[in-house]
N, C-alpha and C. Protein backbone atom coordinates (compact mmCIF):
# COMPACT_ATOMS: atom_id res chain seq x y z
N MET A 1 89.77 56.14 11.29
CA MET A 1 91.11 55.99 11.02
C MET A 1 92.00 56.40 12.09
N PRO A 2 91.89 55.82 13.12
CA PRO A 2 92.78 56.06 14.33
C PRO A 2 94.25 56.09 14.09
N ILE A 3 94.76 54.78 13.43
CA ILE A 3 96.22 54.78 13.06
C ILE A 3 96.19 54.63 11.70
N PRO A 4 96.50 55.23 10.75
CA PRO A 4 96.43 54.93 9.35
C PRO A 4 96.91 53.71 8.90
N GLY A 5 96.18 52.92 8.19
CA GLY A 5 96.62 51.52 7.72
C GLY A 5 96.47 50.54 8.73
N VAL A 6 96.07 50.68 9.95
CA VAL A 6 96.04 49.82 11.08
C VAL A 6 94.53 49.53 11.34
N THR A 7 94.12 48.22 11.49
CA THR A 7 92.90 47.83 11.89
C THR A 7 93.03 47.68 13.61
N GLN A 8 92.03 48.54 14.04
CA GLN A 8 92.13 48.46 15.62
C GLN A 8 91.23 47.20 16.12
N PRO A 9 91.94 46.37 16.88
CA PRO A 9 91.24 45.19 17.54
C PRO A 9 89.90 45.42 18.46
N GLU A 10 89.05 44.63 18.40
CA GLU A 10 87.81 44.92 19.24
C GLU A 10 88.29 44.96 20.59
N THR A 11 89.16 43.89 20.88
CA THR A 11 89.55 43.87 22.44
C THR A 11 91.09 43.48 22.28
N ILE A 12 91.73 43.80 23.47
CA ILE A 12 93.09 43.48 23.64
C ILE A 12 93.18 42.82 25.06
N GLU A 13 93.76 41.74 25.32
CA GLU A 13 93.71 40.97 26.54
C GLU A 13 95.00 41.69 27.27
N VAL A 14 94.97 42.03 28.47
CA VAL A 14 96.00 42.61 29.14
C VAL A 14 96.44 41.55 30.20
N SER A 15 95.43 40.84 30.97
CA SER A 15 95.77 39.96 31.98
C SER A 15 94.58 38.93 31.94
N ASN A 16 94.56 38.13 33.00
CA ASN A 16 93.26 37.28 33.12
C ASN A 16 92.14 38.04 33.29
N ASP A 17 92.18 39.07 34.06
CA ASP A 17 91.04 39.94 34.44
C ASP A 17 91.04 41.40 34.06
N ILE A 18 92.00 41.73 33.19
CA ILE A 18 91.91 43.17 32.59
C ILE A 18 91.99 43.06 31.10
N ARG A 19 91.26 43.81 30.56
CA ARG A 19 91.21 44.02 28.86
C ARG A 19 91.06 45.29 28.48
N LEU A 20 91.35 45.47 27.34
CA LEU A 20 91.02 46.95 26.48
C LEU A 20 89.92 46.58 25.53
N ARG A 21 88.88 47.34 25.61
CA ARG A 21 87.77 47.24 24.69
C ARG A 21 87.61 48.40 23.70
N LYS A 22 87.58 48.31 22.58
CA LYS A 22 87.54 49.34 21.58
C LYS A 22 86.39 50.20 21.77
N TYR A 23 86.64 51.65 21.83
CA TYR A 23 85.60 52.50 21.97
C TYR A 23 84.59 52.44 20.82
N ASP A 24 83.42 52.48 21.36
CA ASP A 24 82.11 52.26 20.56
C ASP A 24 81.25 53.43 20.50
N GLY A 25 81.52 54.58 20.94
CA GLY A 25 80.69 55.76 21.08
C GLY A 25 79.80 55.85 22.19
N ASN A 26 79.78 54.85 23.00
CA ASN A 26 78.98 54.97 24.25
C ASN A 26 80.03 55.09 25.50
N TYR A 27 79.61 56.31 26.22
CA TYR A 27 80.60 56.72 27.06
C TYR A 27 79.88 57.22 28.55
N ASP A 28 78.58 57.09 28.51
CA ASP A 28 77.69 57.78 29.59
C ASP A 28 78.29 57.35 30.97
N PHE A 29 78.63 56.09 30.99
CA PHE A 29 79.20 55.41 32.34
C PHE A 29 80.43 56.14 32.79
N ALA A 30 81.18 56.70 31.91
CA ALA A 30 82.51 57.46 32.31
C ALA A 30 82.38 58.88 32.80
N PHE A 31 81.20 59.35 32.55
CA PHE A 31 80.82 60.78 33.16
C PHE A 31 81.27 60.80 34.65
N SER A 32 80.77 59.86 35.28
CA SER A 32 81.30 59.97 36.92
C SER A 32 82.57 59.97 37.17
N TRP A 33 83.72 59.43 36.36
CA TRP A 33 84.86 59.47 36.55
C TRP A 33 85.57 61.01 36.42
N TYR A 34 84.98 61.64 35.44
CA TYR A 34 85.47 62.90 35.31
C TYR A 34 84.74 64.11 35.99
N GLN A 35 84.02 63.57 37.03
CA GLN A 35 83.37 64.60 37.93
C GLN A 35 84.29 64.61 39.24
N ASP A 36 85.32 63.76 39.30
CA ASP A 36 86.18 63.61 40.39
C ASP A 36 87.16 64.57 40.21
N THR A 37 87.35 65.60 40.93
CA THR A 37 88.09 66.98 40.67
C THR A 37 89.66 66.57 40.92
N GLU A 38 89.96 65.54 41.65
CA GLU A 38 91.39 65.23 41.75
C GLU A 38 91.89 64.51 40.54
N LEU A 39 91.01 63.67 39.83
CA LEU A 39 91.33 62.87 38.89
C LEU A 39 91.52 64.04 37.58
N VAL A 40 90.53 64.84 37.59
CA VAL A 40 90.48 65.86 36.38
C VAL A 40 91.74 66.76 36.65
N TYR A 41 92.29 66.91 37.83
CA TYR A 41 93.47 67.77 37.81
C TYR A 41 94.64 67.10 37.53
N LEU A 42 94.72 65.84 37.70
CA LEU A 42 95.86 64.94 37.21
C LEU A 42 95.76 64.93 35.73
N VAL A 43 94.80 64.82 35.19
CA VAL A 43 94.54 64.76 33.73
C VAL A 43 94.76 66.00 32.98
N ASP A 44 94.09 67.14 33.49
CA ASP A 44 94.01 68.52 32.79
C ASP A 44 94.58 69.66 33.31
N GLY A 45 95.12 69.41 34.84
CA GLY A 45 95.64 70.50 35.37
C GLY A 45 94.87 71.59 36.07
N ASP A 46 93.52 71.39 35.91
CA ASP A 46 92.62 72.23 36.72
C ASP A 46 91.44 71.18 37.36
N LYS A 47 90.81 71.73 38.09
CA LYS A 47 89.87 70.96 38.85
C LYS A 47 88.31 71.19 38.43
N SER A 48 88.27 71.53 37.25
CA SER A 48 86.86 71.63 36.76
C SER A 48 86.20 70.47 36.13
N PRO A 49 85.30 69.97 36.86
CA PRO A 49 84.50 68.65 36.31
C PRO A 49 84.02 68.83 35.10
N TYR A 50 83.88 67.63 34.26
CA TYR A 50 83.49 67.83 32.90
C TYR A 50 81.87 67.88 32.87
N ASP A 51 81.59 68.43 31.75
CA ASP A 51 79.97 68.26 31.56
C ASP A 51 80.01 67.31 30.44
N MET A 52 78.86 66.83 29.87
CA MET A 52 78.70 65.85 28.83
C MET A 52 79.37 66.44 27.64
N ASP A 53 79.23 67.53 27.30
CA ASP A 53 79.63 68.22 26.05
C ASP A 53 81.28 68.07 26.09
N ARG A 54 81.86 68.39 27.12
CA ARG A 54 83.36 68.32 27.30
C ARG A 54 83.86 66.90 27.02
N LEU A 55 83.00 65.99 27.66
CA LEU A 55 83.33 64.44 27.73
C LEU A 55 83.26 64.11 26.31
N SER A 56 82.33 64.48 25.49
CA SER A 56 82.19 64.06 24.12
C SER A 56 83.11 64.66 23.25
N ARG A 57 83.60 65.78 23.59
CA ARG A 57 84.62 66.44 22.73
C ARG A 57 86.00 65.59 22.91
N MET A 58 86.26 65.35 24.26
CA MET A 58 87.53 64.71 24.50
C MET A 58 87.53 63.34 23.90
N TYR A 59 86.50 62.54 24.12
CA TYR A 59 86.46 61.08 23.37
C TYR A 59 86.55 61.30 21.98
N SER A 60 85.86 62.37 21.22
CA SER A 60 85.91 62.36 19.73
C SER A 60 87.47 62.67 19.43
N TYR A 61 88.12 63.66 20.14
CA TYR A 61 89.43 63.88 19.75
C TYR A 61 90.50 62.79 19.93
N LEU A 62 90.16 61.92 21.08
CA LEU A 62 91.14 60.85 21.29
C LEU A 62 90.90 59.91 20.30
N ASP A 63 89.59 59.78 19.97
CA ASP A 63 89.30 58.64 18.83
C ASP A 63 89.69 58.86 17.54
N ALA A 64 89.72 60.08 17.33
CA ALA A 64 90.34 60.60 16.01
C ALA A 64 91.75 60.60 15.84
N HIS A 65 92.62 60.57 16.97
CA HIS A 65 94.02 60.47 17.07
C HIS A 65 94.70 59.14 17.32
N GLY A 66 94.06 58.35 17.82
CA GLY A 66 94.74 56.97 18.08
C GLY A 66 93.58 55.92 18.32
N GLU A 67 94.10 54.83 18.71
CA GLU A 67 93.26 53.80 19.10
C GLU A 67 92.57 54.02 20.52
N LEU A 68 91.48 54.29 20.63
CA LEU A 68 90.89 54.65 22.06
C LEU A 68 90.20 53.42 22.59
N TYR A 69 90.57 53.03 23.80
CA TYR A 69 89.88 51.99 24.51
C TYR A 69 89.44 52.19 25.82
N PHE A 70 88.43 51.41 26.30
CA PHE A 70 88.03 51.45 27.68
C PHE A 70 88.86 50.27 28.26
N ILE A 71 89.33 50.54 29.51
CA ILE A 71 90.04 49.58 30.26
C ILE A 71 89.01 48.93 31.11
N GLU A 72 88.83 47.59 30.91
CA GLU A 72 87.76 46.91 31.61
C GLU A 72 88.33 45.89 32.64
N ALA A 73 87.56 45.62 33.72
CA ALA A 73 88.06 44.84 34.80
C ALA A 73 86.90 43.70 34.97
N LYS A 74 87.28 42.28 35.01
CA LYS A 74 86.31 41.36 35.23
C LYS A 74 85.90 41.28 36.65
N GLU A 75 84.67 41.46 36.85
CA GLU A 75 84.01 41.21 38.13
C GLU A 75 82.83 40.21 38.17
N ASP A 76 82.84 39.13 38.83
CA ASP A 76 81.62 38.39 38.93
C ASP A 76 81.58 37.78 37.51
N GLY A 77 82.54 37.54 36.71
CA GLY A 77 82.54 36.92 35.57
C GLY A 77 82.13 37.62 34.32
N ALA A 78 82.02 38.97 34.50
CA ALA A 78 81.69 39.95 33.59
C ALA A 78 82.49 41.18 33.49
N TYR A 79 82.96 41.68 32.42
CA TYR A 79 83.87 42.80 32.45
C TYR A 79 83.09 44.32 32.57
N ARG A 80 83.59 45.13 33.25
CA ARG A 80 82.98 46.35 33.42
C ARG A 80 84.13 47.43 33.13
N PRO A 81 83.78 48.51 32.55
CA PRO A 81 84.62 49.65 32.29
C PRO A 81 85.27 50.48 33.64
N ILE A 82 86.58 50.62 33.61
CA ILE A 82 87.14 51.10 34.98
C ILE A 82 87.99 52.39 34.56
N GLY A 83 88.14 52.46 33.30
CA GLY A 83 89.11 53.67 32.87
C GLY A 83 89.36 53.66 31.27
N ASP A 84 90.15 54.66 30.84
CA ASP A 84 90.21 54.62 29.38
C ASP A 84 91.85 54.77 28.97
N VAL A 85 92.13 54.58 27.86
CA VAL A 85 93.49 54.80 27.48
C VAL A 85 93.42 55.00 25.72
N THR A 86 94.45 55.81 25.45
CA THR A 86 94.32 56.06 23.97
C THR A 86 95.80 55.68 23.68
N PHE A 87 96.05 55.07 22.46
CA PHE A 87 97.37 54.55 22.12
C PHE A 87 97.60 55.07 20.58
N TRP A 88 98.63 55.95 20.56
CA TRP A 88 99.27 56.20 19.25
C TRP A 88 100.80 56.70 19.47
N GLN A 89 101.61 56.83 18.42
CA GLN A 89 102.91 56.87 18.69
C GLN A 89 103.24 58.11 19.32
N ASP A 90 102.41 59.23 19.38
CA ASP A 90 102.86 60.47 19.89
C ASP A 90 102.24 60.80 21.44
N ASP A 91 101.36 59.88 21.73
CA ASP A 91 100.90 60.02 23.01
C ASP A 91 100.32 58.85 23.55
N MET A 92 100.02 58.67 24.96
CA MET A 92 99.32 57.57 25.44
C MET A 92 98.61 57.96 26.65
N PRO A 93 97.63 58.85 26.65
CA PRO A 93 96.79 59.21 27.69
C PRO A 93 96.15 58.01 28.33
N ILE A 94 96.11 57.94 29.72
CA ILE A 94 95.57 56.86 30.36
C ILE A 94 94.84 57.45 31.80
N VAL A 95 93.78 56.78 32.00
CA VAL A 95 92.99 57.28 33.29
C VAL A 95 92.29 55.87 33.78
N ILE A 96 92.56 55.66 35.09
CA ILE A 96 91.89 54.81 35.88
C ILE A 96 90.65 55.63 36.51
N GLY A 97 89.63 55.48 35.87
CA GLY A 97 88.67 56.24 36.46
C GLY A 97 87.98 55.81 37.53
N ASP A 98 87.63 54.50 37.83
CA ASP A 98 87.16 53.97 38.97
C ASP A 98 88.19 54.01 40.17
N SER A 99 87.98 54.82 41.10
CA SER A 99 89.07 54.95 42.39
C SER A 99 89.34 53.62 43.02
N LYS A 100 88.51 52.72 42.98
CA LYS A 100 88.73 51.42 43.64
C LYS A 100 89.87 50.68 42.95
N TYR A 101 90.29 51.07 41.70
CA TYR A 101 91.02 50.43 40.93
C TYR A 101 92.41 51.15 40.86
N ARG A 102 92.57 52.25 41.51
CA ARG A 102 93.70 53.10 41.36
C ARG A 102 94.77 52.33 42.18
N GLY A 103 96.11 52.41 41.94
CA GLY A 103 97.16 52.23 42.93
C GLY A 103 97.32 50.47 42.95
N ARG A 104 96.64 49.82 42.02
CA ARG A 104 96.81 48.36 41.99
C ARG A 104 97.49 47.89 40.93
N GLY A 105 98.15 48.68 40.01
CA GLY A 105 99.12 48.21 39.14
C GLY A 105 98.49 48.15 37.72
N ILE A 106 97.23 48.33 37.64
CA ILE A 106 96.60 48.40 36.27
C ILE A 106 97.12 49.04 35.31
N GLY A 107 97.46 50.23 35.66
CA GLY A 107 98.03 51.20 34.61
C GLY A 107 99.42 50.70 34.13
N ARG A 108 100.22 50.06 34.91
CA ARG A 108 101.41 49.63 34.46
C ARG A 108 101.14 48.31 33.60
N LEU A 109 100.17 47.63 33.75
CA LEU A 109 99.96 46.42 32.92
C LEU A 109 99.34 46.90 31.65
N VAL A 110 98.54 47.83 31.45
CA VAL A 110 97.93 48.36 30.19
C VAL A 110 99.28 49.07 29.52
N ILE A 111 99.93 49.89 30.25
CA ILE A 111 101.12 50.54 29.48
C ILE A 111 101.96 49.42 28.68
N SER A 112 102.32 48.29 29.62
CA SER A 112 103.32 47.32 29.08
C SER A 112 102.58 46.61 27.83
N ARG A 113 101.28 46.20 28.02
CA ARG A 113 100.66 45.57 26.87
C ARG A 113 100.60 46.76 25.64
N LEU A 114 100.34 47.94 25.86
CA LEU A 114 100.58 48.86 24.72
C LEU A 114 101.85 48.94 24.14
N ILE A 115 102.91 48.92 24.85
CA ILE A 115 104.36 48.72 24.50
C ILE A 115 104.44 47.59 23.48
N GLU A 116 103.97 46.45 23.98
CA GLU A 116 103.94 45.22 23.08
C GLU A 116 103.24 45.50 21.80
N ARG A 117 102.12 46.06 21.76
CA ARG A 117 101.37 46.64 20.55
C ARG A 117 102.26 47.39 19.68
N GLY A 118 102.90 48.42 20.16
CA GLY A 118 103.67 49.27 19.41
C GLY A 118 105.02 48.37 18.75
N ARG A 119 105.44 47.54 19.60
CA ARG A 119 106.43 46.55 18.66
C ARG A 119 105.67 45.83 17.69
N GLU A 120 104.54 45.24 18.01
CA GLU A 120 103.81 44.41 17.03
C GLU A 120 103.53 45.36 15.69
N LEU A 121 103.11 46.45 15.90
CA LEU A 121 103.09 47.36 14.66
C LEU A 121 104.25 47.90 14.06
N GLY A 122 105.45 47.55 14.55
CA GLY A 122 106.69 47.95 14.03
C GLY A 122 107.00 49.33 14.38
N PHE A 123 106.49 50.06 15.41
CA PHE A 123 106.93 51.39 15.90
C PHE A 123 108.31 51.32 16.38
N GLY A 124 108.98 52.26 15.99
CA GLY A 124 110.32 52.36 16.68
C GLY A 124 110.50 53.15 18.05
N ARG A 125 109.46 53.98 18.24
CA ARG A 125 109.43 54.81 19.48
C ARG A 125 108.00 55.10 19.75
N LEU A 126 107.73 55.07 21.02
CA LEU A 126 106.48 55.77 21.65
C LEU A 126 106.84 57.01 22.44
N ASN A 127 105.96 57.92 22.44
CA ASN A 127 106.07 58.98 23.12
C ASN A 127 104.73 59.34 24.01
N VAL A 128 105.11 60.04 25.11
CA VAL A 128 104.09 60.66 26.08
C VAL A 128 104.20 62.06 26.01
N ARG A 129 103.13 62.69 25.55
CA ARG A 129 103.38 64.23 25.31
C ARG A 129 103.60 65.09 26.64
N GLU A 130 102.96 64.54 27.65
CA GLU A 130 103.24 65.46 28.93
C GLU A 130 102.49 64.61 30.01
N ILE A 131 103.18 64.65 31.13
CA ILE A 131 102.86 64.06 32.63
C ILE A 131 103.09 65.34 33.36
N TYR A 132 102.17 65.75 34.19
CA TYR A 132 102.32 66.97 35.00
C TYR A 132 103.21 66.63 35.98
N SER A 133 104.05 67.52 36.49
CA SER A 133 105.05 67.40 37.34
C SER A 133 104.63 66.76 38.70
N TYR A 134 103.28 67.17 39.20
CA TYR A 134 102.73 66.75 40.56
C TYR A 134 102.09 65.27 40.40
N ASN A 135 102.14 64.63 39.16
CA ASN A 135 101.43 63.44 38.85
C ASN A 135 102.49 62.31 38.97
N ILE A 136 103.01 62.18 40.18
CA ILE A 136 103.96 61.33 40.60
C ILE A 136 103.65 59.82 40.12
N ALA A 137 102.50 59.38 40.40
CA ALA A 137 102.08 57.92 40.27
C ALA A 137 102.12 57.73 38.70
N SER A 138 101.67 58.55 37.86
CA SER A 138 101.82 58.40 36.39
C SER A 138 103.27 58.37 35.97
N GLN A 139 104.04 59.35 36.51
CA GLN A 139 105.39 59.29 36.10
C GLN A 139 106.06 57.94 36.50
N ARG A 140 105.88 57.39 37.57
CA ARG A 140 106.48 56.15 38.14
C ARG A 140 105.79 54.89 37.30
N ALA A 141 104.52 54.96 37.02
CA ALA A 141 104.13 53.98 36.25
C ALA A 141 104.70 53.89 34.69
N PHE A 142 104.80 54.93 34.07
CA PHE A 142 105.35 55.02 32.81
C PHE A 142 107.18 54.63 32.75
N GLU A 143 107.65 55.06 33.92
CA GLU A 143 109.11 54.94 34.11
C GLU A 143 109.27 53.30 34.43
N SER A 144 108.47 52.77 35.24
CA SER A 144 108.69 51.20 35.70
C SER A 144 108.35 50.54 34.37
N CYS A 145 107.88 50.99 33.17
CA CYS A 145 107.59 50.25 32.04
C CYS A 145 108.72 50.63 30.97
N GLY A 146 109.73 51.24 31.49
CA GLY A 146 110.92 51.63 30.58
C GLY A 146 110.82 52.85 29.75
N PHE A 147 109.79 53.77 30.18
CA PHE A 147 109.87 55.13 29.60
C PHE A 147 110.81 55.92 30.21
N VAL A 148 111.34 56.96 29.42
CA VAL A 148 112.53 57.79 29.92
C VAL A 148 112.10 59.18 29.79
N ARG A 149 112.14 59.85 30.85
CA ARG A 149 112.04 61.36 30.65
C ARG A 149 112.76 62.04 29.75
N ASP A 150 112.16 62.71 28.69
CA ASP A 150 112.74 63.38 27.60
C ASP A 150 113.20 64.70 27.75
N ALA A 151 112.05 65.57 28.11
CA ALA A 151 112.40 67.02 28.08
C ALA A 151 111.28 67.49 29.08
N GLU A 152 111.67 68.69 29.62
CA GLU A 152 110.77 69.41 30.49
C GLU A 152 109.80 70.26 29.70
N THR A 153 108.34 70.07 29.93
CA THR A 153 107.57 70.84 29.41
C THR A 153 106.98 72.16 30.28
N GLU A 154 106.15 72.95 29.91
CA GLU A 154 105.73 74.07 30.67
C GLU A 154 105.10 73.36 32.11
N ASN A 155 104.43 72.47 32.07
CA ASN A 155 103.72 71.83 33.30
C ASN A 155 104.32 70.61 33.82
N GLY A 156 105.37 69.96 33.20
CA GLY A 156 105.83 68.72 33.63
C GLY A 156 106.86 68.31 32.70
N PHE A 157 106.63 67.00 32.16
CA PHE A 157 107.74 66.38 31.47
C PHE A 157 107.13 65.33 30.44
N CYS A 158 107.85 65.35 29.25
CA CYS A 158 107.54 64.48 28.30
C CYS A 158 108.26 63.15 28.41
N TYR A 159 107.81 62.08 27.75
CA TYR A 159 108.67 60.76 28.10
C TYR A 159 108.68 59.93 26.72
N TYR A 160 109.55 59.04 26.56
CA TYR A 160 109.62 58.19 25.32
C TYR A 160 110.20 57.03 25.74
N ILE A 161 109.86 55.90 24.87
CA ILE A 161 110.59 54.56 24.96
C ILE A 161 111.08 54.23 23.49
N GLU A 162 112.20 53.72 23.40
CA GLU A 162 112.70 53.24 22.16
C GLU A 162 112.26 51.81 22.07
N LEU A 163 111.64 51.25 21.07
CA LEU A 163 111.04 49.88 20.83
C LEU A 163 111.98 49.20 19.96
N THR A 164 112.99 49.83 19.31
CA THR A 164 113.96 48.92 18.39
C THR A 164 115.33 49.24 18.93
N GLU A 165 116.29 48.34 18.83
CA GLU A 165 117.64 48.53 19.19
C GLU A 165 118.21 49.65 18.16
N ARG A 166 118.94 50.33 18.96
CA ARG A 166 119.91 51.26 18.04
C ARG A 166 121.04 50.67 17.52
N LYS A 167 121.35 51.08 16.37
CA LYS A 167 122.60 50.67 15.45
C LYS A 167 123.18 51.91 15.30
N GLY A 168 124.31 52.17 16.09
CA GLY A 168 125.14 53.68 16.11
C GLY A 168 124.04 54.71 16.44
N ASN A 169 123.85 55.60 15.54
CA ASN A 169 122.84 56.67 15.70
C ASN A 169 121.55 56.58 14.98
N MET A 170 121.59 55.38 14.37
CA MET A 170 120.37 55.08 13.47
C MET A 170 119.44 54.17 14.06
N HIS A 171 118.11 54.42 13.85
CA HIS A 171 117.25 53.42 14.53
C HIS A 171 117.04 52.15 13.58
N ALA A 172 116.82 51.05 14.35
CA ALA A 172 116.68 49.75 13.30
C ALA A 172 115.34 49.87 12.47
N SER A 173 114.43 50.76 12.77
CA SER A 173 113.19 50.81 12.15
C SER A 173 112.98 52.30 11.95
N GLU A 174 112.51 52.53 10.63
CA GLU A 174 112.30 54.07 10.05
C GLU A 174 110.74 54.44 10.56
N ASN A 175 110.18 53.69 11.27
CA ASN A 175 108.90 54.05 11.67
C ASN A 175 108.72 55.00 12.92
N SER A 176 109.86 55.37 13.35
CA SER A 176 109.66 56.22 14.66
C SER A 176 109.48 57.62 14.31
């Protein structure tokens, strides 16, 4: 029941060579991503690598709160996982786990496609709970997709994007 009343698609096409694949409970391949202390710092604010128990708990939490996907890139005609993203109205944590794919605009493509999904589902607004103040690349990715810095948090900033047109002070949709 990631999003109540919504059936999560098995895949979402992002581009000709990038797609999102629904989480299926298999994540052993992602363990190496969460051994990268710089990546863990950007995600969690500390540099402690994950063990399998922590990875399992993270994916269980994300899967219970939203639509959890692995970001996959097509290589030699086959898709392989390169990161993960969870989509729900209150947050959109995204990780490009495979370092060779970072800085190539894939995060922006995924964020843009999930904004479209939010509109398809009739959401009035999407939020990002927190991006750390030192995670400039993530801030830029969300801002380039139309997210606006909303408030300062203890360690960074939260963001939002309005998905419906405003009519005076009222939202066009009550789903926000």
